[in-house]
Amino acid sequence: MSDTELNPEVMPADASDSIRAEVAQEYAGKLARAELKTHAAQAGISLPDGFTDYLEAAKLLGEDGKPSAEAIEEVLAPFKPKEPTLPQLAGAGHNRGGNPIPEYPRVSLDARHRK
């Protein structure tokens, strides 16, 4: 090994910067995956096994190279439980909601028996 490989002080500045950039990019992906798992756990979402292995970490990063909360929420959106839609039931009793039940005129029992 040469001195430039062992001693960072002897290394040229541009090589040192490119190595730092590579390391930062590698760990940004790992950080993005960890953030994804954290957001999923906080939302009560259980991700399928191996989901993060197939996920491209670069899509979870913002323009600054750090994990983006918006991108993570977008990835987790299909896994979030949806509110159940229940049908409108009339049920028993007097219902005046959206049901088109005709209202008949009420006739007093006293009025029917009088002649």
N, C-alpha and C. Protein backbone atom coordinates (compact mmCIF):
# COMPACT_ATOMS: atom_id res chain seq x y z
N MET A 1 0.83 -1.18 0.00
CA MET A 1 0.00 0.00 0.00
C MET A 1 0.87 1.24 0.00
N SER A 2 0.38 2.23 -0.67
CA SER A 2 1.15 3.47 -0.72
C SER A 2 0.79 4.36 0.46
N ASP A 3 1.57 5.41 0.63
CA ASP A 3 1.33 6.34 1.74
C ASP A 3 0.00 7.07 1.60
N THR A 4 -0.43 7.31 0.38
CA THR A 4 -1.68 8.05 0.19
C THR A 4 -2.89 7.22 0.61
N GLU A 5 -2.78 5.88 0.54
CA GLU A 5 -3.90 5.03 0.94
C GLU A 5 -4.00 4.93 2.45
N LEU A 6 -2.88 5.02 3.16
CA LEU A 6 -2.89 4.85 4.60
C LEU A 6 -3.05 6.15 5.36
N ASN A 7 -2.52 7.21 4.86
CA ASN A 7 -2.50 8.47 5.57
C ASN A 7 -3.41 9.49 4.88
N PRO A 8 -4.51 9.87 5.50
CA PRO A 8 -5.42 10.80 4.85
C PRO A 8 -4.82 12.19 4.70
N GLU A 9 -3.80 12.54 5.46
CA GLU A 9 -3.19 13.86 5.34
C GLU A 9 -2.42 13.99 4.03
N VAL A 10 -1.92 12.88 3.50
CA VAL A 10 -1.14 12.88 2.28
C VAL A 10 -2.07 12.79 1.06
N MET A 11 -3.32 12.36 1.28
CA MET A 11 -4.28 12.17 0.21
C MET A 11 -4.65 13.49 -0.44
N PRO A 12 -4.83 13.52 -1.75
CA PRO A 12 -5.28 14.75 -2.39
C PRO A 12 -6.69 15.13 -1.92
N ALA A 13 -7.00 16.41 -1.92
CA ALA A 13 -8.29 16.90 -1.39
C ALA A 13 -9.46 16.37 -2.19
N ASP A 14 -9.33 16.30 -3.51
CA ASP A 14 -10.45 15.84 -4.32
C ASP A 14 -10.74 14.35 -4.11
N ALA A 15 -9.72 13.55 -3.88
CA ALA A 15 -9.92 12.13 -3.60
C ALA A 15 -10.58 11.94 -2.25
N SER A 16 -10.16 12.74 -1.29
CA SER A 16 -10.76 12.67 0.04
C SER A 16 -12.23 13.05 -0.01
N ASP A 17 -12.56 14.09 -0.78
CA ASP A 17 -13.95 14.53 -0.90
C ASP A 17 -14.80 13.49 -1.60
N SER A 18 -14.26 12.84 -2.63
CA SER A 18 -15.04 11.83 -3.34
C SER A 18 -15.30 10.61 -2.46
N ILE A 19 -14.33 10.25 -1.63
CA ILE A 19 -14.53 9.13 -0.71
C ILE A 19 -15.59 9.49 0.32
N ARG A 20 -15.54 10.71 0.84
CA ARG A 20 -16.55 11.15 1.80
C ARG A 20 -17.94 11.15 1.16
N ALA A 21 -18.01 11.58 -0.08
CA ALA A 21 -19.29 11.61 -0.77
C ALA A 21 -19.85 10.20 -0.96
N GLU A 22 -18.98 9.24 -1.31
CA GLU A 22 -19.41 7.85 -1.47
C GLU A 22 -19.92 7.27 -0.16
N VAL A 23 -19.18 7.53 0.92
CA VAL A 23 -19.59 7.02 2.23
C VAL A 23 -20.89 7.67 2.66
N ALA A 24 -21.02 8.96 2.45
CA ALA A 24 -22.26 9.67 2.82
C ALA A 24 -23.44 9.13 2.03
N GLN A 25 -23.24 8.84 0.75
CA GLN A 25 -24.31 8.32 -0.09
C GLN A 25 -24.72 6.92 0.37
N GLU A 26 -23.75 6.10 0.71
CA GLU A 26 -24.04 4.74 1.17
C GLU A 26 -24.83 4.76 2.48
N TYR A 27 -24.40 5.58 3.40
CA TYR A 27 -25.07 5.63 4.69
C TYR A 27 -26.39 6.40 4.64
N ALA A 28 -26.55 7.27 3.67
CA ALA A 28 -27.83 7.96 3.50
C ALA A 28 -28.92 6.95 3.12
N GLY A 29 -28.57 5.98 2.29
CA GLY A 29 -29.52 4.93 1.92
C GLY A 29 -29.91 4.08 3.12
N LYS A 30 -28.93 3.74 3.93
CA LYS A 30 -29.22 2.96 5.14
C LYS A 30 -30.07 3.77 6.12
N LEU A 31 -29.75 5.05 6.24
CA LEU A 31 -30.53 5.93 7.11
C LEU A 31 -31.96 6.07 6.60
N ALA A 32 -32.14 6.16 5.28
CA ALA A 32 -33.48 6.28 4.69
C ALA A 32 -34.30 5.03 4.97
N ARG A 33 -33.68 3.86 4.86
CA ARG A 33 -34.40 2.61 5.17
C ARG A 33 -34.79 2.55 6.64
N ALA A 34 -33.90 2.99 7.51
CA ALA A 34 -34.21 3.01 8.94
C ALA A 34 -35.35 3.99 9.23
N GLU A 35 -35.32 5.15 8.58
CA GLU A 35 -36.41 6.12 8.75
C GLU A 35 -37.73 5.55 8.26
N LEU A 36 -37.70 4.82 7.16
CA LEU A 36 -38.90 4.19 6.62
C LEU A 36 -39.49 3.20 7.63
N LYS A 37 -38.63 2.38 8.21
CA LYS A 37 -39.10 1.42 9.20
C LYS A 37 -39.65 2.12 10.44
N THR A 38 -39.03 3.22 10.83
CA THR A 38 -39.50 3.98 11.99
C THR A 38 -40.87 4.59 11.72
N HIS A 39 -41.04 5.22 10.55
CA HIS A 39 -42.34 5.80 10.21
C HIS A 39 -43.42 4.72 10.13
N ALA A 40 -43.07 3.56 9.59
CA ALA A 40 -44.04 2.47 9.48
C ALA A 40 -44.45 1.99 10.87
N ALA A 41 -43.50 1.85 11.77
CA ALA A 41 -43.82 1.40 13.12
C ALA A 41 -44.68 2.41 13.85
N GLN A 42 -44.40 3.70 13.66
CA GLN A 42 -45.19 4.73 14.33
C GLN A 42 -46.62 4.77 13.79
N ALA A 43 -46.80 4.45 12.52
CA ALA A 43 -48.14 4.46 11.92
C ALA A 43 -48.87 3.13 12.14
N GLY A 44 -48.22 2.17 12.75
CA GLY A 44 -48.85 0.87 13.00
C GLY A 44 -48.89 0.00 11.75
N ILE A 45 -47.97 0.21 10.84
CA ILE A 45 -47.93 -0.54 9.59
C ILE A 45 -46.87 -1.63 9.71
N SER A 46 -47.25 -2.85 9.36
CA SER A 46 -46.25 -3.92 9.32
C SER A 46 -45.89 -4.14 7.86
N LEU A 47 -44.63 -3.90 7.55
CA LEU A 47 -44.15 -4.04 6.18
C LEU A 47 -43.90 -5.51 5.87
N PRO A 48 -44.12 -5.92 4.62
CA PRO A 48 -43.83 -7.31 4.24
C PRO A 48 -42.35 -7.62 4.41
N ASP A 49 -42.05 -8.88 4.63
CA ASP A 49 -40.66 -9.30 4.78
C ASP A 49 -39.86 -8.98 3.52
N GLY A 50 -38.71 -8.37 3.70
CA GLY A 50 -37.83 -8.07 2.58
C GLY A 50 -38.26 -6.86 1.76
N PHE A 51 -39.25 -6.12 2.21
CA PHE A 51 -39.74 -4.97 1.45
C PHE A 51 -38.65 -3.93 1.27
N THR A 52 -37.91 -3.64 2.33
CA THR A 52 -36.88 -2.61 2.23
C THR A 52 -35.67 -3.08 1.42
N ASP A 53 -35.51 -4.40 1.26
CA ASP A 53 -34.40 -4.90 0.46
C ASP A 53 -34.58 -4.58 -1.03
N TYR A 54 -35.84 -4.58 -1.47
CA TYR A 54 -36.12 -4.33 -2.88
C TYR A 54 -36.38 -2.86 -3.19
N LEU A 55 -36.40 -2.04 -2.17
CA LEU A 55 -36.70 -0.63 -2.33
C LEU A 55 -35.44 0.14 -2.72
N GLU A 56 -35.56 0.99 -3.69
CA GLU A 56 -34.42 1.80 -4.11
C GLU A 56 -34.29 2.97 -3.14
N ALA A 57 -33.22 2.98 -2.36
CA ALA A 57 -33.04 3.96 -1.29
C ALA A 57 -32.88 5.37 -1.84
N ALA A 58 -32.38 5.51 -3.05
CA ALA A 58 -32.17 6.85 -3.63
C ALA A 58 -33.49 7.59 -3.80
N LYS A 59 -34.60 6.86 -3.95
CA LYS A 59 -35.91 7.50 -4.12
C LYS A 59 -36.47 8.01 -2.79
N LEU A 60 -35.88 7.58 -1.69
CA LEU A 60 -36.31 8.04 -0.37
C LEU A 60 -35.56 9.28 0.08
N LEU A 61 -34.57 9.68 -0.70
CA LEU A 61 -33.74 10.82 -0.33
C LEU A 61 -34.26 12.09 -1.00
N GLY A 62 -34.11 13.19 -0.28
CA GLY A 62 -34.47 14.48 -0.84
C GLY A 62 -33.35 15.03 -1.69
N GLU A 63 -33.52 16.26 -2.13
CA GLU A 63 -32.51 16.90 -2.97
C GLU A 63 -31.20 17.13 -2.21
N ASP A 64 -31.31 17.26 -0.89
CA ASP A 64 -30.12 17.50 -0.08
C ASP A 64 -29.37 16.22 0.27
N GLY A 65 -29.89 15.06 -0.14
CA GLY A 65 -29.23 13.79 0.13
C GLY A 65 -29.63 13.17 1.46
N LYS A 66 -30.58 13.79 2.16
CA LYS A 66 -31.06 13.26 3.43
C LYS A 66 -32.44 12.65 3.22
N PRO A 67 -32.86 11.73 4.11
CA PRO A 67 -34.16 11.11 3.96
C PRO A 67 -35.28 12.15 3.91
N SER A 68 -36.20 11.96 2.97
CA SER A 68 -37.31 12.87 2.77
C SER A 68 -38.58 12.29 3.40
N ALA A 69 -39.20 13.04 4.30
CA ALA A 69 -40.42 12.57 4.96
C ALA A 69 -41.56 12.41 3.96
N GLU A 70 -41.61 13.30 2.96
CA GLU A 70 -42.67 13.21 1.96
C GLU A 70 -42.54 11.95 1.12
N ALA A 71 -41.31 11.62 0.72
CA ALA A 71 -41.09 10.42 -0.07
C ALA A 71 -41.40 9.17 0.74
N ILE A 72 -41.07 9.18 2.01
CA ILE A 72 -41.34 8.03 2.87
C ILE A 72 -42.85 7.85 3.05
N GLU A 73 -43.57 8.95 3.25
CA GLU A 73 -45.03 8.87 3.39
C GLU A 73 -45.67 8.36 2.11
N GLU A 74 -45.12 8.75 0.97
CA GLU A 74 -45.64 8.29 -0.31
C GLU A 74 -45.46 6.79 -0.47
N VAL A 75 -44.32 6.27 -0.01
CA VAL A 75 -44.07 4.83 -0.09
C VAL A 75 -44.99 4.06 0.85
N LEU A 76 -45.27 4.62 2.02
CA LEU A 76 -46.10 3.93 3.01
C LEU A 76 -47.60 4.07 2.76
N ALA A 77 -48.01 4.98 1.89
CA ALA A 77 -49.43 5.25 1.67
C ALA A 77 -50.25 4.00 1.31
N PRO A 78 -49.77 3.11 0.42
CA PRO A 78 -50.59 1.93 0.10
C PRO A 78 -50.76 0.96 1.27
N PHE A 79 -49.91 1.04 2.26
CA PHE A 79 -49.98 0.10 3.39
C PHE A 79 -50.84 0.61 4.53
N LYS A 80 -51.22 1.88 4.49
CA LYS A 80 -52.01 2.45 5.58
C LYS A 80 -53.42 1.88 5.53
N PRO A 81 -53.97 1.51 6.69
CA PRO A 81 -55.34 0.98 6.70
C PRO A 81 -56.33 2.08 6.34
N LYS A 82 -57.30 1.71 5.54
CA LYS A 82 -58.32 2.66 5.12
C LYS A 82 -59.53 2.55 6.05
N GLU A 83 -60.24 3.65 6.16
CA GLU A 83 -61.46 3.65 6.97
C GLU A 83 -62.50 2.76 6.28
N PRO A 84 -63.17 1.91 7.02
CA PRO A 84 -64.18 1.06 6.39
C PRO A 84 -65.39 1.89 5.95
N THR A 85 -65.92 1.54 4.81
CA THR A 85 -67.13 2.22 4.35
C THR A 85 -68.31 1.31 4.65
N LEU A 86 -69.19 1.81 5.45
CA LEU A 86 -70.36 1.04 5.84
C LEU A 86 -71.58 1.57 5.09
N PRO A 87 -72.48 0.67 4.69
CA PRO A 87 -73.67 1.13 3.98
C PRO A 87 -74.63 1.84 4.94
N GLN A 88 -75.43 2.74 4.40
CA GLN A 88 -76.44 3.41 5.20
C GLN A 88 -77.63 2.46 5.36
N LEU A 89 -77.85 2.02 6.55
CA LEU A 89 -78.94 1.09 6.82
C LEU A 89 -80.10 1.83 7.47
N ALA A 90 -81.32 1.47 7.07
CA ALA A 90 -82.50 2.13 7.62
C ALA A 90 -82.79 1.60 9.02
N GLY A 91 -82.68 0.31 9.20
CA GLY A 91 -82.94 -0.25 10.52
C GLY A 91 -84.41 -0.17 10.89
N ALA A 92 -84.71 -0.46 12.13
CA ALA A 92 -86.09 -0.41 12.62
C ALA A 92 -86.36 0.96 13.21
N GLY A 93 -87.60 1.37 13.14
CA GLY A 93 -87.96 2.65 13.74
C GLY A 93 -88.25 3.71 12.71
N HIS A 94 -88.36 4.91 13.18
CA HIS A 94 -88.74 6.05 12.36
C HIS A 94 -87.49 6.66 11.72
N ASN A 95 -87.35 6.51 10.41
CA ASN A 95 -86.18 7.02 9.70
C ASN A 95 -86.61 8.06 8.68
N ARG A 96 -86.03 9.24 8.79
CA ARG A 96 -86.35 10.30 7.84
C ARG A 96 -85.12 10.73 7.06
N GLY A 97 -84.06 10.00 7.13
CA GLY A 97 -82.83 10.39 6.46
C GLY A 97 -82.97 10.41 4.96
N GLY A 98 -82.21 9.65 4.26
CA GLY A 98 -82.23 9.64 2.81
C GLY A 98 -83.20 8.62 2.25
N ASN A 99 -83.93 7.92 3.10
CA ASN A 99 -84.85 6.90 2.62
C ASN A 99 -86.13 7.55 2.10
N PRO A 100 -86.55 7.21 0.90
CA PRO A 100 -87.78 7.80 0.35
C PRO A 100 -89.03 7.07 0.84
N ILE A 101 -89.28 7.13 2.12
CA ILE A 101 -90.48 6.50 2.68
C ILE A 101 -91.61 7.54 2.65
N PRO A 102 -92.74 7.23 1.99
CA PRO A 102 -93.82 8.22 1.93
C PRO A 102 -94.44 8.42 3.31
N GLU A 103 -94.83 9.64 3.56
CA GLU A 103 -95.45 9.95 4.85
C GLU A 103 -96.96 10.04 4.63
N TYR A 104 -97.70 9.18 5.31
CA TYR A 104 -99.15 9.16 5.19
C TYR A 104 -99.76 10.07 6.25
N PRO A 105 -100.88 10.68 5.92
CA PRO A 105 -101.52 11.55 6.92
C PRO A 105 -102.02 10.71 8.10
N ARG A 106 -101.80 11.22 9.25
CA ARG A 106 -102.22 10.48 10.44
C ARG A 106 -103.67 10.85 10.78
N VAL A 107 -104.40 9.83 11.04
CA VAL A 107 -105.81 10.02 11.37
C VAL A 107 -106.03 9.57 12.80
N SER A 108 -106.63 10.39 13.57
CA SER A 108 -106.88 10.06 14.96
C SER A 108 -107.88 8.93 15.05
N LEU A 109 -107.73 8.06 16.02
CA LEU A 109 -108.67 6.96 16.21
C LEU A 109 -110.06 7.50 16.58
N ASP A 110 -110.10 8.57 17.28
CA ASP A 110 -111.40 9.16 17.65
C ASP A 110 -112.13 9.63 16.39
N ALA A 111 -111.44 10.17 15.42
CA ALA A 111 -112.08 10.69 14.23
C ALA A 111 -112.65 9.57 13.38
N ARG A 112 -112.07 8.39 13.40
CA ARG A 112 -112.59 7.29 12.60
C ARG A 112 -113.88 6.71 13.18
N HIS A 113 -114.04 6.72 14.47
CA HIS A 113 -115.20 6.12 15.11
C HIS A 113 -116.36 7.11 15.26
N ARG A 114 -116.21 8.32 14.93
CA ARG A 114 -117.30 9.29 15.01
C ARG A 114 -118.01 9.38 13.68
N LYS A 115 -119.31 9.37 13.73
CA LYS A 115 -120.08 9.54 12.50
C LYS A 115 -121.28 10.37 12.74
